[in-house]
Protein backbone atom coordinates (compact mmCIF):
# COMPACT_ATOMS: atom_id res chain seq x y z
CA MET A 1 82.27 8.46 -1.37
CA SER A 2 83.98 5.09 -1.30
CA SER A 3 82.03 1.95 -0.54
CA LEU A 4 84.09 1.53 2.62
CA SER A 5 83.04 4.87 4.06
CA LEU A 6 79.41 4.31 2.98
CA THR A 7 79.37 0.97 4.80
CA SER A 8 80.96 2.55 7.88
CA THR A 9 78.38 5.36 7.84
CA ARG A 10 75.51 2.84 7.67
CA LYS A 11 77.01 0.86 10.56
CA LEU A 12 77.30 4.03 12.64
CA ARG A 13 73.66 4.89 11.93
CA VAL A 14 72.56 1.40 12.98
CA ILE A 15 74.68 1.59 16.14
CA ALA A 16 73.35 5.08 16.95
CA ALA A 17 69.75 3.97 16.38
CA GLY A 18 70.32 0.90 18.56
CA GLY A 19 71.88 3.04 21.28
CA ALA A 20 68.94 5.45 21.25
CA ALA A 21 66.50 2.55 21.49
CA ALA A 22 68.44 1.06 24.40
CA CYS A 23 68.52 4.45 26.13
CA ALA A 24 64.75 4.83 25.65
CA LEU A 25 64.22 1.35 27.09
CA VAL A 26 66.32 2.15 30.17
CA ILE A 27 64.43 5.43 30.74
CA HIS A 28 61.06 3.71 30.26
CA THR A 29 62.00 0.88 32.63
CA THR A 30 63.33 3.27 35.29
CA ILE A 31 60.31 5.57 35.16
CA GLY A 32 57.91 2.65 34.95
CA SER A 33 59.36 0.94 38.01
CA ALA A 34 59.32 4.21 39.98
CA ILE A 35 55.67 4.75 39.09
CA ALA A 36 54.74 1.13 39.86
CA GLN A 37 56.49 1.17 43.23
CA GLU A 38 54.10 0.83 46.16
CA PRO A 39 54.23 3.54 48.83
CA PRO A 40 55.72 2.37 52.13
CA GLN A 41 53.23 0.59 54.43
CA GLU A 42 54.46 2.80 57.24
CA LEU A 43 52.82 5.92 55.78
CA GLY A 44 49.66 7.15 57.45
CA ILE A 45 48.38 7.96 60.93
CA TRP A 46 49.36 5.72 63.85
CA TYR A 47 48.19 5.65 67.47
CA ASP A 48 51.18 5.46 69.80
CA ASP A 49 51.51 2.63 72.32
CA THR A 50 49.43 4.52 74.92
CA GLY A 51 46.53 5.30 72.57
CA ARG A 52 46.60 8.90 73.84
CA GLY A 53 48.44 10.31 70.82
CA ALA A 54 48.78 9.72 67.10
CA VAL A 55 51.63 10.45 64.71
CA LYS A 56 51.26 11.05 60.99
CA ILE A 57 54.09 9.40 59.08
CA SER A 58 54.90 11.03 55.75
CA GLN A 59 57.50 10.84 53.03
CA CYS A 60 59.98 13.71 53.49
CA GLY A 61 62.16 13.50 50.40
CA THR A 62 63.90 10.13 50.55
CA TYR A 63 63.24 9.84 54.30
CA LEU A 64 60.23 9.09 56.46
CA CYS A 65 59.29 11.62 59.11
CA GLY A 66 56.50 11.88 61.67
CA HIS A 67 54.54 14.73 63.21
CA ILE A 68 52.09 14.68 66.10
CA HIS A 69 48.69 14.61 64.44
CA TRP A 70 46.26 14.00 67.32
CA LEU A 71 46.26 14.09 71.11
CA LYS A 72 43.50 12.77 73.34
CA SER A 73 44.16 15.71 75.68
CA PRO A 74 45.77 18.54 73.65
CA LEU A 75 45.30 21.09 76.47
CA ASN A 76 47.02 21.42 79.85
CA SER A 77 45.21 21.87 83.19
CA LYS A 78 44.84 25.61 82.48
CA GLY A 79 43.06 24.92 79.19
CA GLU A 80 46.08 26.02 77.13
CA PRO A 81 47.64 24.02 74.28
CA LEU A 82 50.42 21.69 75.40
CA HIS A 83 53.96 22.95 74.81
CA ASP A 84 57.31 21.19 74.63
CA ALA A 85 58.00 22.09 78.29
CA ASN A 86 60.62 19.36 78.87
CA ASN A 87 62.82 20.29 75.92
CA PRO A 88 66.46 20.72 77.03
CA ASN A 89 66.64 23.82 74.82
CA PRO A 90 64.91 26.66 76.73
CA ASN A 91 64.14 28.43 73.43
CA ALA A 92 62.07 25.44 72.24
CA ARG A 93 59.94 24.99 75.38
CA MET A 94 57.10 27.17 74.11
CA ARG A 95 56.63 25.36 70.79
CA PRO A 96 53.28 23.59 70.57
CA VAL A 97 53.25 19.81 70.83
CA CYS A 98 50.49 19.49 68.23
CA GLY A 99 52.09 19.36 64.81
CA MET A 100 55.60 18.92 66.25
CA GLN A 101 57.99 16.71 64.30
CA VAL A 102 58.81 13.77 66.56
CA PHE A 103 60.91 11.67 64.22
CA GLY A 104 62.79 11.96 61.02
CA GLN A 105 65.62 10.94 58.70
CA LEU A 106 64.50 7.32 58.58
CA THR A 107 65.99 5.63 55.53
CA PRO A 108 64.88 2.37 53.93
CA GLN A 109 67.01 -0.66 54.75
CA GLY A 110 67.27 -3.81 52.64
CA ASP A 111 65.36 -5.89 55.19
CA GLY A 112 62.11 -3.88 55.02
CA THR A 113 62.85 -1.70 58.03
CA TRP A 114 63.42 2.05 58.20
CA ASP A 115 66.41 3.01 60.33
CA GLY A 116 69.13 5.60 60.82
CA GLY A 117 66.76 8.26 62.06
CA TRP A 118 65.76 9.83 65.35
CA ILE A 119 62.67 9.96 67.54
CA TYR A 120 61.89 12.66 70.10
CA ASP A 121 59.86 11.99 73.25
CA PRO A 122 58.28 15.29 74.35
CA LYS A 123 57.23 13.75 77.70
CA VAL A 124 60.89 13.59 78.77
CA GLY A 125 62.54 15.96 76.29
CA LYS A 126 64.94 13.37 74.89
CA SER A 127 65.81 12.07 71.43
CA TYR A 128 66.79 8.51 70.59
CA ASP A 129 67.84 6.49 67.57
CA VAL A 130 64.86 4.75 66.00
CA GLU A 131 63.97 1.87 63.72
CA ILE A 132 60.44 1.25 62.47
CA LYS A 133 58.93 -1.63 60.57
CA SER A 134 55.53 -2.78 59.51
CA ALA A 135 54.31 -5.85 61.36
CA GLY A 136 51.15 -6.20 59.28
CA ALA A 137 48.65 -3.84 57.70
CA ASP A 138 47.59 -2.26 61.00
CA VAL A 139 50.65 -2.73 63.25
CA LEU A 140 53.90 -0.77 63.37
CA GLU A 141 56.86 -1.70 65.54
CA VAL A 142 58.80 1.34 66.75
CA ARG A 143 62.15 0.56 68.37
CA GLY A 144 63.90 3.35 70.23
CA TYR A 145 67.50 2.89 71.26
CA ALA A 146 70.61 4.80 72.28
CA GLY A 147 73.30 3.61 69.89
CA ILE A 148 72.81 -0.16 70.34
CA LYS A 149 69.53 -1.68 69.09
CA MET A 150 69.89 -4.73 71.31
CA PHE A 151 69.38 -2.55 74.39
CA GLY A 152 66.45 -0.63 72.95
CA LYS A 153 62.73 -0.89 73.57
CA THR A 154 60.11 -1.82 70.98
CA LEU A 155 56.66 -0.24 71.18
CA VAL A 156 53.67 -1.35 69.15
CA TRP A 157 51.65 1.32 67.39
CA ARG A 158 48.23 0.68 65.83
CA LYS A 159 46.84 2.15 62.63
CA ALA A 160 44.46 5.07 63.20
CA PRO A 161 41.66 6.06 60.83
CA ASP A 162 42.72 8.38 58.01
CA ASP A 163 39.99 10.84 59.02
CA LEU A 164 41.25 11.19 62.61
CA PRO A 165 40.99 14.93 63.31
CA ASN A 166 44.20 16.92 63.39
CA CYS A 167 44.89 18.23 66.91
CA ASP A 168 45.66 21.69 65.48
CA LEU A 169 42.10 21.85 64.16
CA ALA A 170 40.68 20.42 67.40
CA GLU A 171 42.46 23.12 69.42
CA ALA A 172 41.21 25.87 67.14
CA ASN A 173 37.66 24.65 67.68
CA GLY A 174 38.11 24.24 71.46
CA SER A 175 37.59 20.48 71.24
CA LYS A 176 39.26 18.16 73.75
CA ARG A 177 38.41 15.05 71.74
């Protein structure tokens, strides 16, 4: 082997070793930052603006979504579980309100808000665009709008205790909590 090819081989080994080290550093940094990332403040159980219902906000893939977790009055006047009676889709009117997904597809924005999703109001059977943002450890601002945020309405939700009973369990036990 000539000294030229030996030198070239050594250089290639050094470059390859350096590339592997750089690759390992990138992987370590990426995984480390993903692990160190704080979960969104918006996760958890939140009382709605009326205080008569609570929604559990969860991570659903890269989105945030919310399901009805608790209702002050989960039963109708006949003692039956509430259903989505105002849904414009007749096939969905018998689905139970407890556990129902009421918002989804919220994506993180650069300004600390979550937007681009939808919120469903079972009281009127309508869906709206929605933006949510934390306004402190125990306050969540929920802005519903129809296409233009400026004409929307912001509601203030308050943090509920993590051990707030799930309305599905309350119904099963006959509790009207």
